[in-house]
Amino acid sequence: MSQMPSSAEYQEVLRRRRLDVVPPIDETRPGLPEARAWGGRLAQAVSEVLAGDRPVAQLVRFTDEEVFVELNRRVRVLGLTTTAGGRGTKERCALRSVRVCRPSSEVAEIAAHVRHGGRHRAIALRMEIRRNRWVCTALEIG
């Protein structure tokens, strides 16, 4: 009769199986910024756009057409404008945390927590590599 594995041995087997499911991602792609840093900057920029601290046009290069159109629509609905003179008097947006999931080597899914004044906001975005750079292809704002 075979001996039952200990709890620690069983946990180790489960851990190895979970690690084998997700293929390792090569993070060292030449010329491409790290997904965590880039996603954090993009989440903060989106938050600044929604706070009226940054013009939405600055995000056109970093988002696909569908994401940009939706973000632009939100800005128009909120009636936001940016004025360089008013920027210094407002409290700036602050990135609090960033989490990254890499389902494949070409995709990074980012969850970020951004604070602006007394308001906290969750931002989730999906970035894909297009033309050797990160482009936001999906955006959810909470």
N, C-alpha and C. Protein backbone atom coordinates (compact mmCIF):
# COMPACT_ATOMS: atom_id res chain seq x y z
N MET A 1 0.84 -1.16 0.00
CA MET A 1 0.00 0.00 0.00
C MET A 1 0.89 1.24 0.00
N SER A 2 0.54 2.25 -0.84
CA SER A 2 1.37 3.45 -0.94
C SER A 2 1.08 4.38 0.23
N GLN A 3 2.11 5.11 0.60
CA GLN A 3 2.00 6.03 1.72
C GLN A 3 1.39 7.35 1.24
N MET A 4 0.51 7.94 2.03
CA MET A 4 -0.11 9.22 1.69
C MET A 4 0.93 10.33 1.83
N PRO A 5 0.97 11.26 0.86
CA PRO A 5 1.92 12.37 0.99
C PRO A 5 1.50 13.30 2.12
N SER A 6 2.47 13.94 2.73
CA SER A 6 2.17 14.90 3.79
C SER A 6 1.50 16.12 3.16
N SER A 7 0.92 16.94 4.00
CA SER A 7 0.25 18.15 3.53
C SER A 7 1.22 19.08 2.79
N ALA A 8 2.42 19.21 3.33
CA ALA A 8 3.42 20.07 2.69
C ALA A 8 3.81 19.52 1.32
N GLU A 9 3.98 18.20 1.22
CA GLU A 9 4.34 17.60 -0.08
C GLU A 9 3.20 17.78 -1.09
N TYR A 10 1.98 17.61 -0.62
CA TYR A 10 0.81 17.78 -1.48
C TYR A 10 0.72 19.23 -1.98
N GLN A 11 0.93 20.19 -1.09
CA GLN A 11 0.90 21.61 -1.47
C GLN A 11 1.98 21.92 -2.50
N GLU A 12 3.15 21.33 -2.35
CA GLU A 12 4.24 21.55 -3.29
C GLU A 12 3.88 21.00 -4.67
N VAL A 13 3.26 19.85 -4.73
CA VAL A 13 2.83 19.26 -6.01
C VAL A 13 1.81 20.19 -6.68
N LEU A 14 0.84 20.68 -5.90
CA LEU A 14 -0.15 21.60 -6.46
C LEU A 14 0.50 22.87 -6.98
N ARG A 15 1.46 23.42 -6.23
CA ARG A 15 2.14 24.65 -6.64
C ARG A 15 2.87 24.43 -7.96
N ARG A 16 3.56 23.30 -8.09
CA ARG A 16 4.28 23.03 -9.35
C ARG A 16 3.32 22.88 -10.51
N ARG A 17 2.19 22.25 -10.30
CA ARG A 17 1.20 22.10 -11.37
C ARG A 17 0.67 23.45 -11.81
N ARG A 18 0.38 24.36 -10.86
CA ARG A 18 -0.12 25.69 -11.22
C ARG A 18 0.93 26.45 -12.02
N LEU A 19 2.18 26.32 -11.62
CA LEU A 19 3.24 27.03 -12.32
C LEU A 19 3.43 26.50 -13.73
N ASP A 20 3.17 25.21 -13.94
CA ASP A 20 3.33 24.63 -15.26
C ASP A 20 2.23 25.06 -16.22
N VAL A 21 1.08 25.50 -15.70
CA VAL A 21 -0.05 25.87 -16.56
C VAL A 21 0.24 27.15 -17.33
N VAL A 22 0.84 28.14 -16.69
CA VAL A 22 1.12 29.42 -17.32
C VAL A 22 2.53 29.39 -17.87
N PRO A 23 2.70 29.55 -19.19
CA PRO A 23 4.05 29.52 -19.75
C PRO A 23 4.86 30.73 -19.28
N PRO A 24 6.15 30.56 -19.12
CA PRO A 24 6.97 31.70 -18.70
C PRO A 24 6.96 32.80 -19.77
N ILE A 25 6.94 34.05 -19.33
CA ILE A 25 6.90 35.19 -20.24
C ILE A 25 8.28 35.82 -20.28
N ASP A 26 8.78 36.05 -21.47
CA ASP A 26 10.06 36.73 -21.62
C ASP A 26 9.82 38.22 -21.55
N GLU A 27 10.22 38.83 -20.41
CA GLU A 27 9.98 40.26 -20.18
C GLU A 27 11.02 41.14 -20.87
N THR A 28 12.07 40.56 -21.42
CA THR A 28 13.17 41.36 -21.94
C THR A 28 13.07 41.52 -23.45
N ARG A 29 12.02 42.13 -23.90
CA ARG A 29 11.86 42.40 -25.32
C ARG A 29 12.56 43.73 -25.63
N PRO A 30 13.51 43.74 -26.56
CA PRO A 30 14.28 44.96 -26.80
C PRO A 30 13.40 46.12 -27.25
N GLY A 31 13.64 47.29 -26.67
CA GLY A 31 12.95 48.51 -27.07
C GLY A 31 11.55 48.67 -26.50
N LEU A 32 11.08 47.72 -25.72
CA LEU A 32 9.73 47.78 -25.18
C LEU A 32 9.79 48.04 -23.68
N PRO A 33 9.08 49.07 -23.18
CA PRO A 33 9.10 49.34 -21.74
C PRO A 33 8.46 48.20 -20.96
N GLU A 34 8.81 48.10 -19.69
CA GLU A 34 8.23 47.08 -18.83
C GLU A 34 6.72 47.34 -18.71
N ALA A 35 5.93 46.27 -18.74
CA ALA A 35 4.47 46.39 -18.73
C ALA A 35 3.96 47.07 -17.46
N ARG A 36 4.54 46.77 -16.32
CA ARG A 36 4.09 47.37 -15.05
C ARG A 36 4.29 48.88 -15.05
N ALA A 37 5.48 49.32 -15.43
CA ALA A 37 5.77 50.76 -15.43
C ALA A 37 4.91 51.48 -16.46
N TRP A 38 4.81 50.93 -17.65
CA TRP A 38 4.04 51.57 -18.71
C TRP A 38 2.55 51.61 -18.36
N GLY A 39 2.03 50.50 -17.84
CA GLY A 39 0.62 50.44 -17.45
C GLY A 39 0.29 51.41 -16.33
N GLY A 40 1.20 51.55 -15.38
CA GLY A 40 0.99 52.50 -14.29
C GLY A 40 0.94 53.93 -14.78
N ARG A 41 1.87 54.27 -15.68
CA ARG A 41 1.86 55.63 -16.24
C ARG A 41 0.59 55.89 -17.04
N LEU A 42 0.16 54.90 -17.80
CA LEU A 42 -1.05 55.07 -18.60
C LEU A 42 -2.29 55.20 -17.70
N ALA A 43 -2.37 54.41 -16.64
CA ALA A 43 -3.50 54.51 -15.72
C ALA A 43 -3.53 55.89 -15.06
N GLN A 44 -2.36 56.40 -14.69
CA GLN A 44 -2.32 57.74 -14.09
C GLN A 44 -2.73 58.79 -15.11
N ALA A 45 -2.28 58.65 -16.35
CA ALA A 45 -2.65 59.61 -17.39
C ALA A 45 -4.16 59.60 -17.63
N VAL A 46 -4.76 58.42 -17.64
CA VAL A 46 -6.22 58.32 -17.82
C VAL A 46 -6.93 59.03 -16.66
N SER A 47 -6.44 58.81 -15.45
CA SER A 47 -7.03 59.46 -14.29
C SER A 47 -6.90 60.98 -14.38
N GLU A 48 -5.75 61.46 -14.85
CA GLU A 48 -5.56 62.91 -15.02
C GLU A 48 -6.49 63.48 -16.08
N VAL A 49 -6.73 62.72 -17.14
CA VAL A 49 -7.68 63.17 -18.17
C VAL A 49 -9.08 63.30 -17.56
N LEU A 50 -9.49 62.30 -16.77
CA LEU A 50 -10.82 62.33 -16.17
C LEU A 50 -10.95 63.37 -15.06
N ALA A 51 -9.83 63.83 -14.53
CA ALA A 51 -9.85 64.90 -13.52
C ALA A 51 -9.77 66.27 -14.15
N GLY A 52 -9.54 66.32 -15.47
CA GLY A 52 -9.43 67.60 -16.16
C GLY A 52 -8.04 68.21 -16.10
N ASP A 53 -7.05 67.42 -15.67
CA ASP A 53 -5.67 67.91 -15.56
C ASP A 53 -4.85 67.70 -16.83
N ARG A 54 -5.34 66.92 -17.76
CA ARG A 54 -4.58 66.57 -18.96
C ARG A 54 -5.54 66.50 -20.13
N PRO A 55 -5.15 66.99 -21.31
CA PRO A 55 -6.04 66.87 -22.48
C PRO A 55 -6.10 65.43 -22.98
N VAL A 56 -7.30 65.00 -23.36
CA VAL A 56 -7.50 63.63 -23.82
C VAL A 56 -6.69 63.35 -25.09
N ALA A 57 -6.40 64.37 -25.87
CA ALA A 57 -5.65 64.18 -27.12
C ALA A 57 -4.27 63.58 -26.88
N GLN A 58 -3.72 63.74 -25.68
CA GLN A 58 -2.41 63.17 -25.39
C GLN A 58 -2.41 61.65 -25.37
N LEU A 59 -3.59 61.05 -25.26
CA LEU A 59 -3.67 59.59 -25.18
C LEU A 59 -3.93 58.91 -26.52
N VAL A 60 -4.09 59.68 -27.58
CA VAL A 60 -4.45 59.09 -28.87
C VAL A 60 -3.39 58.09 -29.36
N ARG A 61 -2.13 58.34 -29.10
CA ARG A 61 -1.06 57.44 -29.56
C ARG A 61 -0.99 56.14 -28.76
N PHE A 62 -1.55 56.16 -27.56
CA PHE A 62 -1.37 55.03 -26.65
C PHE A 62 -2.61 54.17 -26.49
N THR A 63 -3.68 54.51 -27.22
CA THR A 63 -4.93 53.75 -27.16
C THR A 63 -5.37 53.40 -28.57
N ASP A 64 -6.13 52.30 -28.68
CA ASP A 64 -6.68 52.02 -30.01
C ASP A 64 -7.90 52.92 -30.21
N GLU A 65 -8.46 52.89 -31.40
CA GLU A 65 -9.52 53.83 -31.76
C GLU A 65 -10.75 53.70 -30.86
N GLU A 66 -11.16 52.48 -30.58
CA GLU A 66 -12.36 52.26 -29.77
C GLU A 66 -12.20 52.82 -28.35
N VAL A 67 -11.05 52.57 -27.73
CA VAL A 67 -10.79 53.07 -26.38
C VAL A 67 -10.74 54.60 -26.39
N PHE A 68 -10.07 55.19 -27.37
CA PHE A 68 -9.96 56.64 -27.42
C PHE A 68 -11.32 57.30 -27.62
N VAL A 69 -12.15 56.75 -28.49
CA VAL A 69 -13.48 57.32 -28.74
C VAL A 69 -14.31 57.30 -27.46
N GLU A 70 -14.27 56.19 -26.72
CA GLU A 70 -15.03 56.09 -25.48
C GLU A 70 -14.49 57.06 -24.42
N LEU A 71 -13.19 57.16 -24.29
CA LEU A 71 -12.60 58.09 -23.33
C LEU A 71 -12.94 59.54 -23.70
N ASN A 72 -12.87 59.86 -24.97
CA ASN A 72 -13.23 61.20 -25.45
C ASN A 72 -14.70 61.51 -25.17
N ARG A 73 -15.56 60.51 -25.34
CA ARG A 73 -16.99 60.69 -25.05
C ARG A 73 -17.19 61.01 -23.56
N ARG A 74 -16.50 60.29 -22.69
CA ARG A 74 -16.62 60.55 -21.25
C ARG A 74 -16.18 61.96 -20.89
N VAL A 75 -15.09 62.41 -21.51
CA VAL A 75 -14.58 63.76 -21.25
C VAL A 75 -15.61 64.79 -21.67
N ARG A 76 -16.22 64.60 -22.85
CA ARG A 76 -17.24 65.55 -23.32
C ARG A 76 -18.46 65.55 -22.42
N VAL A 77 -18.91 64.37 -21.97
CA VAL A 77 -20.07 64.28 -21.09
C VAL A 77 -19.80 64.99 -19.77
N LEU A 78 -18.57 64.84 -19.26
CA LEU A 78 -18.21 65.49 -18.00
C LEU A 78 -17.94 66.99 -18.19
N GLY A 79 -17.79 67.41 -19.44
CA GLY A 79 -17.54 68.82 -19.72
C GLY A 79 -16.17 69.28 -19.24
N LEU A 80 -15.19 68.40 -19.35
CA LEU A 80 -13.86 68.72 -18.84
C LEU A 80 -13.04 69.52 -19.84
N THR A 81 -12.30 70.47 -19.32
CA THR A 81 -11.33 71.22 -20.11
C THR A 81 -10.06 71.32 -19.29
N THR A 82 -8.96 71.57 -19.94
CA THR A 82 -7.71 71.73 -19.20
C THR A 82 -7.22 73.15 -19.37
N THR A 83 -6.70 73.69 -18.30
CA THR A 83 -6.08 75.01 -18.36
C THR A 83 -4.77 74.92 -17.63
N ALA A 84 -3.71 75.29 -18.30
CA ALA A 84 -2.39 75.19 -17.70
C ALA A 84 -2.29 76.02 -16.43
N GLY A 85 -2.98 77.16 -16.36
CA GLY A 85 -2.92 78.01 -15.19
C GLY A 85 -3.54 77.38 -13.96
N GLY A 86 -4.58 76.58 -14.14
CA GLY A 86 -5.26 75.97 -13.01
C GLY A 86 -4.60 74.72 -12.50
N ARG A 87 -3.65 74.17 -13.24
CA ARG A 87 -3.05 72.91 -12.85
C ARG A 87 -2.32 72.96 -11.52
N GLY A 88 -1.57 74.01 -11.25
CA GLY A 88 -0.77 74.07 -10.03
C GLY A 88 -1.62 74.16 -8.77
N THR A 89 -2.84 74.65 -8.87
CA THR A 89 -3.68 74.81 -7.70
C THR A 89 -4.42 73.53 -7.33
N LYS A 90 -4.57 72.62 -8.26
CA LYS A 90 -5.28 71.37 -8.00
C LYS A 90 -4.36 70.35 -7.37
N GLU A 91 -4.97 69.40 -6.64
CA GLU A 91 -4.20 68.28 -6.12
C GLU A 91 -3.99 67.29 -7.26
N ARG A 92 -2.78 66.80 -7.40
CA ARG A 92 -2.44 65.90 -8.50
C ARG A 92 -2.92 64.48 -8.21
N CYS A 93 -3.13 63.72 -9.27
CA CYS A 93 -3.47 62.31 -9.15
C CYS A 93 -2.23 61.55 -8.69
N ALA A 94 -2.44 60.55 -7.84
CA ALA A 94 -1.32 59.76 -7.34
C ALA A 94 -1.60 58.28 -7.56
N LEU A 95 -0.68 57.60 -8.21
CA LEU A 95 -0.79 56.16 -8.44
C LEU A 95 -0.46 55.45 -7.13
N ARG A 96 -1.38 54.64 -6.63
CA ARG A 96 -1.18 53.97 -5.34
C ARG A 96 -0.65 52.55 -5.51
N SER A 97 -1.17 51.80 -6.48
CA SER A 97 -0.68 50.43 -6.69
C SER A 97 -0.98 49.99 -8.12
N VAL A 98 -0.19 49.02 -8.57
CA VAL A 98 -0.35 48.46 -9.91
C VAL A 98 -0.16 46.95 -9.82
N ARG A 99 -1.06 46.21 -10.43
CA ARG A 99 -0.95 44.75 -10.52
C ARG A 99 -0.96 44.38 -11.99
N VAL A 100 -0.16 43.39 -12.36
CA VAL A 100 -0.02 42.99 -13.76
C VAL A 100 -0.28 41.50 -13.90
N CYS A 101 -1.03 41.14 -14.92
CA CYS A 101 -1.21 39.75 -15.32
C CYS A 101 -0.78 39.64 -16.77
N ARG A 102 0.04 38.65 -17.09
CA ARG A 102 0.52 38.47 -18.47
C ARG A 102 -0.03 37.17 -19.03
N PRO A 103 -1.24 37.19 -19.63
CA PRO A 103 -1.80 35.96 -20.20
C PRO A 103 -1.00 35.42 -21.38
N SER A 104 -0.27 36.29 -22.07
CA SER A 104 0.62 35.85 -23.14
C SER A 104 1.75 36.86 -23.26
N SER A 105 2.73 36.56 -24.08
CA SER A 105 3.88 37.45 -24.21
C SER A 105 3.52 38.76 -24.91
N GLU A 106 2.40 38.80 -25.62
CA GLU A 106 1.98 39.98 -26.37
C GLU A 106 0.92 40.80 -25.64
N VAL A 107 0.49 40.35 -24.46
CA VAL A 107 -0.63 40.98 -23.75
C VAL A 107 -0.26 41.19 -22.28
N ALA A 108 -0.66 42.34 -21.75
CA ALA A 108 -0.54 42.61 -20.31
C ALA A 108 -1.86 43.21 -19.84
N GLU A 109 -2.40 42.67 -18.76
CA GLU A 109 -3.62 43.20 -18.17
C GLU A 109 -3.23 43.87 -16.86
N ILE A 110 -3.64 45.13 -16.72
CA ILE A 110 -3.21 45.97 -15.61
C ILE A 110 -4.41 46.33 -14.74
N ALA A 111 -4.24 46.25 -13.43
CA ALA A 111 -5.22 46.76 -12.47
C ALA A 111 -4.49 47.80 -11.64
N ALA A 112 -5.00 49.02 -11.62
CA ALA A 112 -4.34 50.10 -10.90
C ALA A 112 -5.29 50.79 -9.94
N HIS A 113 -4.73 51.30 -8.87
CA HIS A 113 -5.47 52.08 -7.87
C HIS A 113 -4.88 53.48 -7.90
N VAL A 114 -5.73 54.46 -8.22
CA VAL A 114 -5.28 55.85 -8.34
C VAL A 114 -6.10 56.71 -7.37
N ARG A 115 -5.42 57.63 -6.69
CA ARG A 115 -6.09 58.55 -5.76
C ARG A 115 -6.02 59.96 -6.33
N HIS A 116 -7.14 60.66 -6.25
CA HIS A 116 -7.17 62.07 -6.65
C HIS A 116 -7.95 62.82 -5.59
N GLY A 117 -7.25 63.56 -4.75
CA GLY A 117 -7.91 64.22 -3.62
C GLY A 117 -8.44 63.17 -2.68
N GLY A 118 -9.70 63.29 -2.32
CA GLY A 118 -10.33 62.31 -1.44
C GLY A 118 -10.97 61.16 -2.19
N ARG A 119 -10.86 61.16 -3.50
CA ARG A 119 -11.50 60.13 -4.31
C ARG A 119 -10.49 59.07 -4.74
N HIS A 120 -10.91 57.81 -4.66
CA HIS A 120 -10.07 56.70 -5.11
C HIS A 120 -10.75 56.07 -6.31
N ARG A 121 -9.94 55.62 -7.25
CA ARG A 121 -10.48 55.08 -8.50
C ARG A 121 -9.71 53.82 -8.87
N ALA A 122 -10.44 52.82 -9.34
CA ALA A 122 -9.83 51.60 -9.87
C ALA A 122 -9.84 51.71 -11.40
N ILE A 123 -8.72 51.39 -12.00
CA ILE A 123 -8.61 51.42 -13.45
C ILE A 123 -8.04 50.08 -13.91
N ALA A 124 -8.75 49.43 -14.81
CA ALA A 124 -8.28 48.18 -15.40
C ALA A 124 -8.08 48.42 -16.89
N LEU A 125 -6.95 47.98 -17.39
CA LEU A 125 -6.71 48.13 -18.82
C LEU A 125 -5.97 46.93 -19.38
N ARG A 126 -6.20 46.70 -20.63
CA ARG A 126 -5.53 45.62 -21.35
C ARG A 126 -4.61 46.27 -22.38
N MET A 127 -3.36 45.89 -22.34
CA MET A 127 -2.40 46.43 -23.30
C MET A 127 -1.91 45.28 -24.19
N GLU A 128 -1.78 45.59 -25.46
CA GLU A 128 -1.26 44.62 -26.42
C GLU A 128 -0.11 45.26 -27.18
N ILE A 129 0.81 44.43 -27.61
CA ILE A 129 1.94 44.94 -28.37
C ILE A 129 1.51 45.08 -29.83
N ARG A 130 1.61 46.30 -30.31
CA ARG A 130 1.31 46.60 -31.72
C ARG A 130 2.41 47.52 -32.24
N ARG A 131 2.96 47.18 -33.36
CA ARG A 131 4.06 47.96 -33.96
C ARG A 131 5.19 48.18 -32.95
N ASN A 132 5.49 47.14 -32.20
CA ASN A 132 6.57 47.12 -31.20
C ASN A 132 6.41 48.18 -30.11
N ARG A 133 5.15 48.42 -29.68
CA ARG A 133 4.91 49.29 -28.53
C ARG A 133 3.59 48.86 -27.88
N TRP A 134 3.42 49.24 -26.61
CA TRP A 134 2.19 48.93 -25.89
C TRP A 134 1.07 49.86 -26.34
N VAL A 135 -0.10 49.27 -26.61
CA VAL A 135 -1.30 50.03 -26.97
C VAL A 135 -2.45 49.52 -26.11
N CYS A 136 -3.20 50.43 -25.50
CA CYS A 136 -4.34 50.06 -24.67
C CYS A 136 -5.50 49.67 -25.58
N THR A 137 -5.99 48.44 -25.44
CA THR A 137 -7.08 47.95 -26.28
C THR A 137 -8.38 47.78 -25.53
N ALA A 138 -8.35 47.89 -24.21
CA ALA A 138 -9.58 47.82 -23.40
C ALA A 138 -9.35 48.62 -22.12
N LEU A 139 -10.40 49.30 -21.68
CA LEU A 139 -10.27 50.18 -20.52
C LEU A 139 -11.57 50.14 -19.72
N GLU A 140 -11.45 49.88 -18.42
CA GLU A 140 -12.58 49.92 -17.50
C GLU A 140 -12.21 50.85 -16.35
N ILE A 141 -13.11 51.75 -16.02
CA ILE A 141 -12.84 52.73 -14.97
C ILE A 141 -13.92 52.59 -13.90
N GLY A 142 -13.48 52.44 -12.65
CA GLY A 142 -14.42 52.28 -11.55
C GLY A 142 -14.40 53.46 -10.62
